[in-house]
Amino acid sequence: MRIVKITKEQMGDKVLFPRTQHAGVNCTDSDIELPKRQDFNLERMDGEQGQQGFNVIVQQQYPHMVFQLFDGLTPSQFDDYLGKLLGMHDTPSYIERRTDFMVLFVGARDGVEVTQENHQAVYRMICDCQDQAARWWHLYGK
């Protein structure tokens, strides 16, 4: 076996061993309110000018948050995507011990005014909804 040193330039912003730094969400605790089938909807978005389309999970109540679905991943693709996203300071959600999908917040169809006073509450709302979208796909997807 040959050991090769990887330089920071080769690595870029990618995080090594990303699942040790960002654990998946739990879907089995009894104190967690699980999403219902009608809470979210899966939609297909067309890519721009020859790019392939992709799936999004859309919240069905205000503010109609939209999450990109990365589905059908192999464990190596999952770790690669998760490492790159964490390196870019994005935080996707996935279910513990499942490496075949993840969801990532991309926006909301209805705006939420973010102010200096409420920015932490808005961020928490986005994170909680993203975790629920991951749980929804785990329960009702495919």
C-alpha atoms as a PDB file:
ATOM      1  CA  MET A   1       0.000   0.000   0.000  1.00  0.00           C
ATOM      2  CA  ARG A   2       1.300   3.415  -0.971  1.00  0.00           C
ATOM      3  CA  ILE A   3       0.646   6.370   1.315  1.00  0.00           C
ATOM      4  CA  VAL A   4       0.146   9.690  -0.427  1.00  0.00           C
ATOM      5  CA  LYS A   5       0.037  13.039   1.348  1.00  0.00           C
ATOM      6  CA  ILE A   6      -2.874  15.199   0.201  1.00  0.00           C
ATOM      7  CA  THR A   7      -2.184  18.911   0.173  1.00  0.00           C
ATOM      8  CA  LYS A   8      -4.719  21.579   1.162  1.00  0.00           C
ATOM      9  CA  GLU A   9      -4.809  22.764  -2.471  1.00  0.00           C
ATOM     10  CA  GLN A  10      -5.772  19.267  -3.656  1.00  0.00           C
ATOM     11  CA  MET A  11      -8.363  18.928  -0.931  1.00  0.00           C
ATOM     12  CA  GLY A  12     -10.019  22.299  -1.447  1.00  0.00           C
ATOM     13  CA  ASP A  13     -12.827  23.013   0.999  1.00  0.00           C
ATOM     14  CA  LYS A  14     -13.868  19.381   1.373  1.00  0.00           C
ATOM     15  CA  VAL A  15     -14.298  18.006   4.902  1.00  0.00           C
ATOM     16  CA  LEU A  16     -12.772  14.592   5.603  1.00  0.00           C
ATOM     17  CA  PHE A  17     -14.886  11.979   7.423  1.00  0.00           C
ATOM     18  CA  PRO A  18     -17.990  14.187   7.212  1.00  0.00           C
ATOM     19  CA  ARG A  19     -20.382  11.792   8.986  1.00  0.00           C
ATOM     20  CA  THR A  20     -18.255  12.069  12.131  1.00  0.00           C
ATOM     21  CA  GLN A  21     -18.709  15.847  12.071  1.00  0.00           C
ATOM     22  CA  HIS A  22     -22.381  15.991  11.061  1.00  0.00           C
ATOM     23  CA  ALA A  23     -24.627  13.191  12.255  1.00  0.00           C
ATOM     24  CA  GLY A  24     -27.937  12.338  10.665  1.00  0.00           C
ATOM     25  CA  VAL A  25     -31.297  13.119  12.238  1.00  0.00           C
ATOM     26  CA  ASN A  26     -33.187  10.612  14.328  1.00  0.00           C
ATOM     27  CA  CYS A  27     -36.472   9.197  13.104  1.00  0.00           C
ATOM     28  CA  THR A  28     -37.236   6.749  15.907  1.00  0.00           C
ATOM     29  CA  ASP A  29     -37.489   8.762  19.144  1.00  0.00           C
ATOM     30  CA  SER A  30     -40.989   8.807  20.582  1.00  0.00           C
ATOM     31  CA  ASP A  31     -40.766  12.508  21.476  1.00  0.00           C
ATOM     32  CA  ILE A  32     -40.264  13.536  17.827  1.00  0.00           C
ATOM     33  CA  GLU A  33     -43.397  14.536  15.943  1.00  0.00           C
ATOM     34  CA  LEU A  34     -43.083  12.764  12.609  1.00  0.00           C
ATOM     35  CA  PRO A  35     -44.287  14.512   9.454  1.00  0.00           C
ATOM     36  CA  LYS A  36     -47.526  13.464   7.804  1.00  0.00           C
ATOM     37  CA  ARG A  37     -47.768  12.553   4.138  1.00  0.00           C
ATOM     38  CA  GLN A  38     -49.567  15.812   3.300  1.00  0.00           C
ATOM     39  CA  ASP A  39     -46.904  18.025   4.972  1.00  0.00           C
ATOM     40  CA  PHE A  40     -44.565  17.901   1.958  1.00  0.00           C
ATOM     41  CA  ASN A  41     -44.755  17.197  -1.761  1.00  0.00           C
ATOM     42  CA  LEU A  42     -42.186  15.941  -4.278  1.00  0.00           C
ATOM     43  CA  GLU A  43     -41.808  18.011  -7.455  1.00  0.00           C
ATOM     44  CA  ARG A  44     -39.586  17.687 -10.503  1.00  0.00           C
ATOM     45  CA  MET A  45     -37.686  20.826 -11.552  1.00  0.00           C
ATOM     46  CA  ASP A  46     -36.299  21.216 -15.063  1.00  0.00           C
ATOM     47  CA  GLY A  47     -32.634  22.025 -15.470  1.00  0.00           C
ATOM     48  CA  GLU A  48     -31.600  25.149 -17.327  1.00  0.00           C
ATOM     49  CA  GLN A  49     -30.411  24.974 -20.941  1.00  0.00           C
ATOM     50  CA  GLY A  50     -29.584  21.310 -21.360  1.00  0.00           C
ATOM     51  CA  GLN A  51     -28.858  20.516 -17.724  1.00  0.00           C
ATOM     52  CA  GLN A  52     -30.540  17.511 -16.188  1.00  0.00           C
ATOM     53  CA  GLY A  53     -33.601  18.093 -14.023  1.00  0.00           C
ATOM     54  CA  PHE A  54     -33.748  17.388 -10.298  1.00  0.00           C
ATOM     55  CA  ASN A  55     -36.273  16.622  -7.562  1.00  0.00           C
ATOM     56  CA  VAL A  56     -37.277  18.998  -4.784  1.00  0.00           C
ATOM     57  CA  ILE A  57     -39.323  18.464  -1.644  1.00  0.00           C
ATOM     58  CA  VAL A  58     -41.736  21.367  -1.054  1.00  0.00           C
ATOM     59  CA  GLN A  59     -43.319  22.223   2.281  1.00  0.00           C
ATOM     60  CA  GLN A  60     -47.090  22.477   1.840  1.00  0.00           C
ATOM     61  CA  GLN A  61     -47.687  25.262   4.378  1.00  0.00           C
ATOM     62  CA  TYR A  62     -46.280  28.756   4.832  1.00  0.00           C
ATOM     63  CA  PRO A  63     -43.513  29.665   4.007  1.00  0.00           C
ATOM     64  CA  HIS A  64     -43.391  26.788   1.465  1.00  0.00           C
ATOM     65  CA  MET A  65     -39.708  25.948   1.928  1.00  0.00           C
ATOM     66  CA  VAL A  66     -37.996  24.077  -0.893  1.00  0.00           C
ATOM     67  CA  PHE A  67     -35.324  21.400  -0.381  1.00  0.00           C
ATOM     68  CA  GLN A  68     -33.250  19.753  -3.088  1.00  0.00           C
ATOM     69  CA  LEU A  69     -33.276  15.967  -2.883  1.00  0.00           C
ATOM     70  CA  PHE A  70     -30.049  14.089  -3.568  1.00  0.00           C
ATOM     71  CA  ASP A  71     -31.356  10.556  -4.060  1.00  0.00           C
ATOM     72  CA  GLY A  72     -29.933   7.198  -5.106  1.00  0.00           C
ATOM     73  CA  LEU A  73     -26.462   7.907  -3.762  1.00  0.00           C
ATOM     74  CA  THR A  74     -23.809   5.285  -3.154  1.00  0.00           C
ATOM     75  CA  PRO A  75     -22.004   5.509   0.215  1.00  0.00           C
ATOM     76  CA  SER A  76     -18.923   6.999  -1.467  1.00  0.00           C
ATOM     77  CA  GLN A  77     -21.023   9.593  -3.346  1.00  0.00           C
ATOM     78  CA  PHE A  78     -22.836  10.404  -0.115  1.00  0.00           C
ATOM     79  CA  ASP A  79     -19.583  11.036   1.765  1.00  0.00           C
ATOM     80  CA  ASP A  80     -18.206  13.051  -1.156  1.00  0.00           C
ATOM     81  CA  TYR A  81     -21.305  15.281  -1.388  1.00  0.00           C
ATOM     82  CA  LEU A  82     -21.563  15.666   2.393  1.00  0.00           C
ATOM     83  CA  GLY A  83     -17.868  16.558   2.664  1.00  0.00           C
ATOM     84  CA  LYS A  84     -18.130  19.152  -0.099  1.00  0.00           C
ATOM     85  CA  LEU A  85     -21.330  20.686   1.306  1.00  0.00           C
ATOM     86  CA  LEU A  86     -19.887  20.941   4.811  1.00  0.00           C
ATOM     87  CA  GLY A  87     -16.749  22.500   3.339  1.00  0.00           C
ATOM     88  CA  MET A  88     -18.947  25.146   1.696  1.00  0.00           C
ATOM     89  CA  HIS A  89     -20.679  25.750   5.080  1.00  0.00           C
ATOM     90  CA  ASP A  90     -23.927  24.164   3.892  1.00  0.00           C
ATOM     91  CA  THR A  91     -25.592  21.694   6.227  1.00  0.00           C
ATOM     92  CA  PRO A  92     -27.804  19.040   4.605  1.00  0.00           C
ATOM     93  CA  SER A  93     -30.072  16.679   6.546  1.00  0.00           C
ATOM     94  CA  TYR A  94     -30.139  12.909   6.334  1.00  0.00           C
ATOM     95  CA  ILE A  95     -31.384  10.029   8.458  1.00  0.00           C
ATOM     96  CA  GLU A  96     -28.999   8.184  10.763  1.00  0.00           C
ATOM     97  CA  ARG A  97     -27.437   5.125   9.099  1.00  0.00           C
ATOM     98  CA  ARG A  98     -28.940   5.974   5.677  1.00  0.00           C
ATOM     99  CA  THR A  99     -26.470   7.049   3.045  1.00  0.00           C
ATOM    100  CA  ASP A 100     -28.693   6.844  -0.024  1.00  0.00           C
ATOM    101  CA  PHE A 101     -30.191  10.353   0.188  1.00  0.00           C
ATOM    102  CA  MET A 102     -29.885  13.819   1.716  1.00  0.00           C
ATOM    103  CA  VAL A 103     -31.897  17.032   1.504  1.00  0.00           C
ATOM    104  CA  LEU A 104     -30.594  20.590   1.304  1.00  0.00           C
ATOM    105  CA  PHE A 105     -32.458  23.880   1.793  1.00  0.00           C
ATOM    106  CA  VAL A 106     -32.552  25.963  -1.402  1.00  0.00           C
ATOM    107  CA  GLY A 107     -35.166  28.622  -0.631  1.00  0.00           C
ATOM    108  CA  ALA A 108     -38.785  29.401   0.114  1.00  0.00           C
ATOM    109  CA  ARG A 109     -41.621  30.261  -2.248  1.00  0.00           C
ATOM    110  CA  ASP A 110     -43.060  32.766   0.230  1.00  0.00           C
ATOM    111  CA  GLY A 111     -40.665  35.204   1.822  1.00  0.00           C
ATOM    112  CA  VAL A 112     -39.898  35.422   5.509  1.00  0.00           C
ATOM    113  CA  GLU A 113     -38.534  38.740   6.648  1.00  0.00           C
ATOM    114  CA  VAL A 114     -35.195  38.208   8.372  1.00  0.00           C
ATOM    115  CA  THR A 115     -34.108  40.876  10.828  1.00  0.00           C
ATOM    116  CA  GLN A 116     -31.330  41.251  13.345  1.00  0.00           C
ATOM    117  CA  GLU A 117     -33.783  40.285  16.071  1.00  0.00           C
ATOM    118  CA  ASN A 118     -35.266  37.155  14.465  1.00  0.00           C
ATOM    119  CA  HIS A 119     -32.421  35.696  12.369  1.00  0.00           C
ATOM    120  CA  GLN A 120     -31.685  32.914  14.868  1.00  0.00           C
ATOM    121  CA  ALA A 121     -35.352  31.891  15.046  1.00  0.00           C
ATOM    122  CA  VAL A 122     -35.602  31.861  11.237  1.00  0.00           C
ATOM    123  CA  TYR A 123     -32.439  29.738  10.964  1.00  0.00           C
ATOM    124  CA  ARG A 124     -33.816  27.297  13.567  1.00  0.00           C
ATOM    125  CA  MET A 125     -37.116  27.132  11.644  1.00  0.00           C
ATOM    126  CA  ILE A 126     -35.231  26.292   8.423  1.00  0.00           C
ATOM    127  CA  CYS A 127     -33.151  23.599  10.150  1.00  0.00           C
ATOM    128  CA  ASP A 128     -36.189  22.015  11.817  1.00  0.00           C
ATOM    129  CA  CYS A 129     -38.155  21.992   8.565  1.00  0.00           C
ATOM    130  CA  GLN A 130     -35.186  20.509   6.676  1.00  0.00           C
ATOM    131  CA  ASP A 131     -34.936  17.709   9.251  1.00  0.00           C
ATOM    132  CA  GLN A 132     -38.669  17.077   8.843  1.00  0.00           C
ATOM    133  CA  ALA A 133     -38.239  16.942   5.042  1.00  0.00           C
ATOM    134  CA  ALA A 134     -35.567  14.260   5.503  1.00  0.00           C
ATOM    135  CA  ARG A 135     -37.860  12.318   7.826  1.00  0.00           C
ATOM    136  CA  TRP A 136     -40.726  12.698   5.316  1.00  0.00           C
ATOM    137  CA  TRP A 137     -38.625  11.246   2.492  1.00  0.00           C
ATOM    138  CA  HIS A 138     -37.478   8.426   4.774  1.00  0.00           C
ATOM    139  CA  LEU A 139     -41.090   7.569   5.644  1.00  0.00           C
ATOM    140  CA  TYR A 140     -42.951   8.235   2.381  1.00  0.00           C
ATOM    141  CA  GLY A 141     -40.386   8.480  -0.421  1.00  0.00           C
ATOM    142  CA  LYS A 142     -40.158   5.680  -2.955  1.00  0.00           C
END
